[in-house]
Amino acid sequence: MAANGMNINVHTVYLNDLTVFNTSITADTDILSTDITIGDDNTIVNQFNFTKGCSVTVEASFATAGVFYFVIKDANDTEVTVKTLNGTDVAADSGLTVNITLIEGYKLNFRYSTSTTINWLSVTNHGGKMP
Protein backbone atom coordinates (compact mmCIF):
# COMPACT_ATOMS: atom_id res chain seq x y z
CA MET A 1 0.00 0.00 0.00
CA ALA A 2 1.24 3.45 -0.84
CA ALA A 3 2.05 5.88 1.96
CA ASN A 4 -1.05 7.91 1.15
CA GLY A 5 -3.26 4.83 1.54
CA MET A 6 -4.40 4.85 -2.10
CA ASN A 7 -3.72 2.04 -4.54
CA ILE A 8 -4.36 0.87 -8.05
CA ASN A 9 -4.39 -2.88 -8.58
CA VAL A 10 -3.48 -4.03 -12.05
CA HIS A 11 -2.75 -7.75 -12.52
CA THR A 12 -2.94 -8.15 -8.70
CA VAL A 13 0.07 -5.88 -8.16
CA TYR A 14 -0.60 -2.77 -6.08
CA LEU A 15 0.78 0.40 -7.58
CA ASN A 16 0.62 4.05 -6.60
CA ASP A 17 -0.15 4.72 -10.23
CA LEU A 18 -0.13 2.92 -13.55
CA THR A 19 2.24 3.80 -16.36
CA VAL A 20 2.42 2.30 -19.83
CA PHE A 21 5.54 3.39 -21.73
CA ASN A 22 6.62 2.94 -25.37
CA THR A 23 4.08 0.18 -26.09
CA SER A 24 2.46 -0.78 -29.39
CA ILE A 25 -1.35 -0.88 -29.48
CA THR A 26 -3.98 -2.01 -31.96
CA ALA A 27 -6.72 0.39 -33.09
CA ASP A 28 -10.03 0.26 -31.20
CA THR A 29 -9.02 -2.47 -28.76
CA ASP A 30 -8.59 -2.26 -24.98
CA ILE A 31 -5.18 -0.81 -24.15
CA LEU A 32 -4.98 -2.51 -20.74
CA SER A 33 -5.20 -6.30 -20.68
CA THR A 34 -7.24 -6.05 -17.44
CA ASP A 35 -9.77 -3.33 -16.63
CA ILE A 36 -9.10 -1.06 -13.66
CA THR A 37 -11.88 -1.83 -11.15
CA ILE A 38 -13.13 0.82 -8.73
CA GLY A 39 -13.33 -0.57 -5.19
CA ASP A 40 -15.42 0.29 -2.16
CA ASP A 41 -12.70 1.57 0.18
CA ASN A 42 -12.42 5.32 -0.10
CA THR A 43 -11.42 8.28 2.02
CA ILE A 44 -12.60 11.84 1.39
CA VAL A 45 -15.49 11.08 -0.97
CA ASN A 46 -17.43 9.02 1.59
CA GLN A 47 -17.06 11.66 4.32
CA PHE A 48 -19.43 13.86 2.31
CA ASN A 49 -21.97 11.06 1.77
CA PHE A 50 -21.35 10.84 -1.95
CA THR A 51 -21.46 7.49 -3.68
CA LYS A 52 -18.22 5.65 -3.02
CA GLY A 53 -15.73 6.11 -5.79
CA CYS A 54 -12.50 7.71 -6.85
CA SER A 55 -11.08 10.37 -9.11
CA VAL A 56 -8.20 9.67 -11.48
CA THR A 57 -6.02 11.73 -13.76
CA VAL A 58 -5.11 10.14 -17.08
CA GLU A 59 -2.16 11.56 -19.02
CA ALA A 60 -1.33 10.21 -22.45
CA SER A 61 0.81 10.73 -25.54
CA PHE A 62 0.70 8.71 -28.76
CA ALA A 63 3.08 8.53 -31.73
CA THR A 64 0.26 8.90 -34.27
CA ALA A 65 -2.74 11.24 -34.31
CA GLY A 66 -6.03 9.62 -33.32
CA VAL A 67 -9.02 9.72 -30.96
CA PHE A 68 -8.38 8.64 -27.36
CA TYR A 69 -11.36 7.42 -25.39
CA PHE A 70 -12.35 5.85 -22.08
CA VAL A 71 -14.21 2.56 -21.92
CA ILE A 72 -16.41 2.53 -18.81
CA LYS A 73 -18.31 -0.57 -17.72
CA ASP A 74 -20.88 -0.83 -14.93
CA ALA A 75 -21.35 -3.82 -12.60
CA ASN A 76 -23.30 -5.63 -15.35
CA ASP A 77 -20.47 -5.02 -17.87
CA THR A 78 -22.66 -2.62 -19.86
CA GLU A 79 -20.11 -0.61 -21.83
CA VAL A 80 -20.04 3.11 -22.58
CA THR A 81 -17.27 4.86 -24.49
CA VAL A 82 -16.37 8.49 -23.85
CA LYS A 83 -14.22 10.27 -26.43
CA THR A 84 -11.78 12.91 -25.25
CA LEU A 85 -11.39 16.28 -26.98
CA ASN A 86 -14.97 16.08 -28.30
CA GLY A 87 -13.92 13.22 -30.56
CA THR A 88 -11.18 15.14 -32.36
CA ASP A 89 -7.70 13.72 -32.87
CA VAL A 90 -4.98 13.99 -30.27
CA ALA A 91 -2.02 15.38 -32.22
CA ALA A 92 0.91 13.01 -32.70
CA ASP A 93 3.54 13.20 -29.95
CA SER A 94 1.53 15.71 -27.90
CA GLY A 95 0.31 15.39 -24.33
CA LEU A 96 -3.28 15.02 -23.13
CA THR A 97 -4.50 15.24 -19.52
CA VAL A 98 -8.04 14.25 -18.49
CA ASN A 99 -9.65 13.84 -15.07
CA ILE A 100 -12.49 11.37 -14.49
CA THR A 101 -14.46 10.29 -11.42
CA LEU A 102 -15.99 6.82 -11.24
CA ILE A 103 -18.12 5.10 -8.62
CA GLU A 104 -17.72 1.78 -6.88
CA GLY A 105 -18.20 -1.27 -9.07
CA TYR A 106 -17.34 0.48 -12.33
CA LYS A 107 -14.44 -0.58 -14.55
CA LEU A 108 -12.16 1.59 -16.66
CA ASN A 109 -10.07 0.90 -19.73
CA PHE A 110 -8.86 2.92 -22.71
CA ARG A 111 -8.86 2.69 -26.50
CA TYR A 112 -7.30 4.63 -29.34
CA SER A 113 -8.69 4.92 -32.85
CA THR A 114 -5.38 4.23 -34.60
CA SER A 115 -2.81 1.43 -34.35
CA THR A 116 0.27 3.19 -32.99
CA THR A 117 2.78 3.33 -30.16
CA ILE A 118 1.88 4.79 -26.79
CA ASN A 119 4.63 7.23 -25.88
CA TRP A 120 3.26 7.11 -22.35
CA LEU A 121 -0.02 6.54 -20.54
CA SER A 122 -0.20 7.38 -16.86
CA VAL A 123 -3.16 6.84 -14.51
CA THR A 124 -2.96 8.48 -11.08
CA ASN A 125 -5.55 7.97 -8.32
CA HIS A 126 -6.65 11.07 -6.35
CA GLY A 127 -9.20 9.69 -3.93
CA GLY A 128 -10.77 6.39 -3.04
CA LYS A 129 -9.33 2.98 -3.71
CA MET A 130 -8.84 1.14 -6.95
CA PRO A 131 -8.34 -2.39 -5.58
C-alpha atoms as a PDB file:
ATOM      1  CA  MET A   1       0.000   0.000   0.000  1.00  0.00           C
ATOM      2  CA  ALA A   2       1.241   3.446  -0.840  1.00  0.00           C
ATOM      3  CA  ALA A   3       2.047   5.875   1.960  1.00  0.00           C
ATOM      4  CA  ASN A   4      -1.049   7.914   1.147  1.00  0.00           C
ATOM      5  CA  GLY A   5      -3.256   4.825   1.536  1.00  0.00           C
ATOM      6  CA  MET A   6      -4.399   4.849  -2.103  1.00  0.00           C
ATOM      7  CA  ASN A   7      -3.720   2.037  -4.535  1.00  0.00           C
ATOM      8  CA  ILE A   8      -4.355   0.870  -8.049  1.00  0.00           C
ATOM      9  CA  ASN A   9      -4.388  -2.876  -8.580  1.00  0.00           C
ATOM     10  CA  VAL A  10      -3.481  -4.034 -12.053  1.00  0.00           C
ATOM     11  CA  HIS A  11      -2.745  -7.751 -12.516  1.00  0.00           C
ATOM     12  CA  THR A  12      -2.937  -8.146  -8.697  1.00  0.00           C
ATOM     13  CA  VAL A  13       0.066  -5.885  -8.161  1.00  0.00           C
ATOM     14  CA  TYR A  14      -0.603  -2.769  -6.077  1.00  0.00           C
ATOM     15  CA  LEU A  15       0.784   0.397  -7.581  1.00  0.00           C
ATOM     16  CA  ASN A  16       0.619   4.046  -6.598  1.00  0.00           C
ATOM     17  CA  ASP A  17      -0.153   4.722 -10.225  1.00  0.00           C
ATOM     18  CA  LEU A  18      -0.132   2.919 -13.545  1.00  0.00           C
ATOM     19  CA  THR A  19       2.240   3.802 -16.359  1.00  0.00           C
ATOM     20  CA  VAL A  20       2.424   2.299 -19.834  1.00  0.00           C
ATOM     21  CA  PHE A  21       5.539   3.387 -21.729  1.00  0.00           C
ATOM     22  CA  ASN A  22       6.624   2.939 -25.369  1.00  0.00           C
ATOM     23  CA  THR A  23       4.076   0.183 -26.086  1.00  0.00           C
ATOM     24  CA  SER A  24       2.456  -0.780 -29.389  1.00  0.00           C
ATOM     25  CA  ILE A  25      -1.350  -0.882 -29.478  1.00  0.00           C
ATOM     26  CA  THR A  26      -3.980  -2.009 -31.963  1.00  0.00           C
ATOM     27  CA  ALA A  27      -6.718   0.388 -33.085  1.00  0.00           C
ATOM     28  CA  ASP A  28     -10.028   0.264 -31.200  1.00  0.00           C
ATOM     29  CA  THR A  29      -9.025  -2.474 -28.759  1.00  0.00           C
ATOM     30  CA  ASP A  30      -8.585  -2.259 -24.978  1.00  0.00           C
ATOM     31  CA  ILE A  31      -5.179  -0.812 -24.148  1.00  0.00           C
ATOM     32  CA  LEU A  32      -4.985  -2.509 -20.738  1.00  0.00           C
ATOM     33  CA  SER A  33      -5.204  -6.297 -20.675  1.00  0.00           C
ATOM     34  CA  THR A  34      -7.239  -6.048 -17.435  1.00  0.00           C
ATOM     35  CA  ASP A  35      -9.773  -3.327 -16.635  1.00  0.00           C
ATOM     36  CA  ILE A  36      -9.102  -1.065 -13.664  1.00  0.00           C
ATOM     37  CA  THR A  37     -11.885  -1.826 -11.152  1.00  0.00           C
ATOM     38  CA  ILE A  38     -13.127   0.817  -8.734  1.00  0.00           C
ATOM     39  CA  GLY A  39     -13.333  -0.571  -5.186  1.00  0.00           C
ATOM     40  CA  ASP A  40     -15.424   0.294  -2.156  1.00  0.00           C
ATOM     41  CA  ASP A  41     -12.696   1.570   0.185  1.00  0.00           C
ATOM     42  CA  ASN A  42     -12.421   5.323  -0.096  1.00  0.00           C
ATOM     43  CA  THR A  43     -11.422   8.280   2.023  1.00  0.00           C
ATOM     44  CA  ILE A  44     -12.600  11.836   1.393  1.00  0.00           C
ATOM     45  CA  VAL A  45     -15.486  11.081  -0.969  1.00  0.00           C
ATOM     46  CA  ASN A  46     -17.434   9.015   1.586  1.00  0.00           C
ATOM     47  CA  GLN A  47     -17.065  11.661   4.316  1.00  0.00           C
ATOM     48  CA  PHE A  48     -19.429  13.862   2.305  1.00  0.00           C
ATOM     49  CA  ASN A  49     -21.965  11.056   1.774  1.00  0.00           C
ATOM     50  CA  PHE A  50     -21.346  10.837  -1.947  1.00  0.00           C
ATOM     51  CA  THR A  51     -21.465   7.486  -3.684  1.00  0.00           C
ATOM     52  CA  LYS A  52     -18.219   5.648  -3.016  1.00  0.00           C
ATOM     53  CA  GLY A  53     -15.727   6.115  -5.791  1.00  0.00           C
ATOM     54  CA  CYS A  54     -12.495   7.708  -6.854  1.00  0.00           C
ATOM     55  CA  SER A  55     -11.079  10.374  -9.112  1.00  0.00           C
ATOM     56  CA  VAL A  56      -8.203   9.666 -11.480  1.00  0.00           C
ATOM     57  CA  THR A  57      -6.024  11.726 -13.762  1.00  0.00           C
ATOM     58  CA  VAL A  58      -5.110  10.144 -17.082  1.00  0.00           C
ATOM     59  CA  GLU A  59      -2.160  11.556 -19.015  1.00  0.00           C
ATOM     60  CA  ALA A  60      -1.327  10.206 -22.452  1.00  0.00           C
ATOM     61  CA  SER A  61       0.806  10.727 -25.536  1.00  0.00           C
ATOM     62  CA  PHE A  62       0.703   8.714 -28.762  1.00  0.00           C
ATOM     63  CA  ALA A  63       3.085   8.529 -31.726  1.00  0.00           C
ATOM     64  CA  THR A  64       0.265   8.900 -34.274  1.00  0.00           C
ATOM     65  CA  ALA A  65      -2.741  11.244 -34.314  1.00  0.00           C
ATOM     66  CA  GLY A  66      -6.029   9.619 -33.317  1.00  0.00           C
ATOM     67  CA  VAL A  67      -9.023   9.719 -30.960  1.00  0.00           C
ATOM     68  CA  PHE A  68      -8.385   8.635 -27.355  1.00  0.00           C
ATOM     69  CA  TYR A  69     -11.359   7.419 -25.387  1.00  0.00           C
ATOM     70  CA  PHE A  70     -12.354   5.853 -22.083  1.00  0.00           C
ATOM     71  CA  VAL A  71     -14.215   2.565 -21.925  1.00  0.00           C
ATOM     72  CA  ILE A  72     -16.410   2.530 -18.814  1.00  0.00           C
ATOM     73  CA  LYS A  73     -18.313  -0.575 -17.719  1.00  0.00           C
ATOM     74  CA  ASP A  74     -20.881  -0.833 -14.932  1.00  0.00           C
ATOM     75  CA  ALA A  75     -21.352  -3.815 -12.595  1.00  0.00           C
ATOM     76  CA  ASN A  76     -23.298  -5.633 -15.353  1.00  0.00           C
ATOM     77  CA  ASP A  77     -20.473  -5.017 -17.873  1.00  0.00           C
ATOM     78  CA  THR A  78     -22.662  -2.616 -19.863  1.00  0.00           C
ATOM     79  CA  GLU A  79     -20.107  -0.607 -21.825  1.00  0.00           C
ATOM     80  CA  VAL A  80     -20.036   3.110 -22.580  1.00  0.00           C
ATOM     81  CA  THR A  81     -17.270   4.861 -24.490  1.00  0.00           C
ATOM     82  CA  VAL A  82     -16.371   8.490 -23.847  1.00  0.00           C
ATOM     83  CA  LYS A  83     -14.223  10.270 -26.426  1.00  0.00           C
ATOM     84  CA  THR A  84     -11.782  12.910 -25.247  1.00  0.00           C
ATOM     85  CA  LEU A  85     -11.392  16.281 -26.981  1.00  0.00           C
ATOM     86  CA  ASN A  86     -14.968  16.082 -28.301  1.00  0.00           C
ATOM     87  CA  GLY A  87     -13.915  13.225 -30.556  1.00  0.00           C
ATOM     88  CA  THR A  88     -11.183  15.141 -32.364  1.00  0.00           C
ATOM     89  CA  ASP A  89      -7.700  13.719 -32.872  1.00  0.00           C
ATOM     90  CA  VAL A  90      -4.981  13.989 -30.274  1.00  0.00           C
ATOM     91  CA  ALA A  91      -2.018  15.384 -32.220  1.00  0.00           C
ATOM     92  CA  ALA A  92       0.912  13.008 -32.696  1.00  0.00           C
ATOM     93  CA  ASP A  93       3.544  13.202 -29.953  1.00  0.00           C
ATOM     94  CA  SER A  94       1.532  15.706 -27.899  1.00  0.00           C
ATOM     95  CA  GLY A  95       0.311  15.386 -24.331  1.00  0.00           C
ATOM     96  CA  LEU A  96      -3.281  15.018 -23.127  1.00  0.00           C
ATOM     97  CA  THR A  97      -4.500  15.241 -19.520  1.00  0.00           C
ATOM     98  CA  VAL A  98      -8.037  14.253 -18.490  1.00  0.00           C
ATOM     99  CA  ASN A  99      -9.652  13.840 -15.067  1.00  0.00           C
ATOM    100  CA  ILE A 100     -12.486  11.372 -14.493  1.00  0.00           C
ATOM    101  CA  THR A 101     -14.464  10.288 -11.424  1.00  0.00           C
ATOM    102  CA  LEU A 102     -15.985   6.817 -11.244  1.00  0.00           C
ATOM    103  CA  ILE A 103     -18.118   5.102  -8.623  1.00  0.00           C
ATOM    104  CA  GLU A 104     -17.723   1.777  -6.882  1.00  0.00           C
ATOM    105  CA  GLY A 105     -18.201  -1.270  -9.072  1.00  0.00           C
ATOM    106  CA  TYR A 106     -17.335   0.477 -12.327  1.00  0.00           C
ATOM    107  CA  LYS A 107     -14.436  -0.577 -14.549  1.00  0.00           C
ATOM    108  CA  LEU A 108     -12.164   1.590 -16.658  1.00  0.00           C
ATOM    109  CA  ASN A 109     -10.068   0.899 -19.735  1.00  0.00           C
ATOM    110  CA  PHE A 110      -8.864   2.924 -22.708  1.00  0.00           C
ATOM    111  CA  ARG A 111      -8.862   2.694 -26.499  1.00  0.00           C
ATOM    112  CA  TYR A 112      -7.297   4.631 -29.337  1.00  0.00           C
ATOM    113  CA  SER A 113      -8.689   4.921 -32.850  1.00  0.00           C
ATOM    114  CA  THR A 114      -5.377   4.229 -34.604  1.00  0.00           C
ATOM    115  CA  SER A 115      -2.815   1.433 -34.346  1.00  0.00           C
ATOM    116  CA  THR A 116       0.266   3.189 -32.993  1.00  0.00           C
ATOM    117  CA  THR A 117       2.784   3.329 -30.164  1.00  0.00           C
ATOM    118  CA  ILE A 118       1.875   4.787 -26.789  1.00  0.00           C
ATOM    119  CA  ASN A 119       4.631   7.228 -25.878  1.00  0.00           C
ATOM    120  CA  TRP A 120       3.262   7.112 -22.354  1.00  0.00           C
ATOM    121  CA  LEU A 121      -0.021   6.539 -20.539  1.00  0.00           C
ATOM    122  CA  SER A 122      -0.201   7.380 -16.860  1.00  0.00           C
ATOM    123  CA  VAL A 123      -3.160   6.837 -14.509  1.00  0.00           C
ATOM    124  CA  THR A 124      -2.962   8.476 -11.081  1.00  0.00           C
ATOM    125  CA  ASN A 125      -5.546   7.972  -8.319  1.00  0.00           C
ATOM    126  CA  HIS A 126      -6.652  11.066  -6.348  1.00  0.00           C
ATOM    127  CA  GLY A 127      -9.204   9.690  -3.928  1.00  0.00           C
ATOM    128  CA  GLY A 128     -10.768   6.388  -3.039  1.00  0.00           C
ATOM    129  CA  LYS A 129      -9.333   2.984  -3.713  1.00  0.00           C
ATOM    130  CA  MET A 130      -8.845   1.136  -6.949  1.00  0.00           C
ATOM    131  CA  PRO A 131      -8.341  -2.392  -5.585  1.00  0.00           C
END
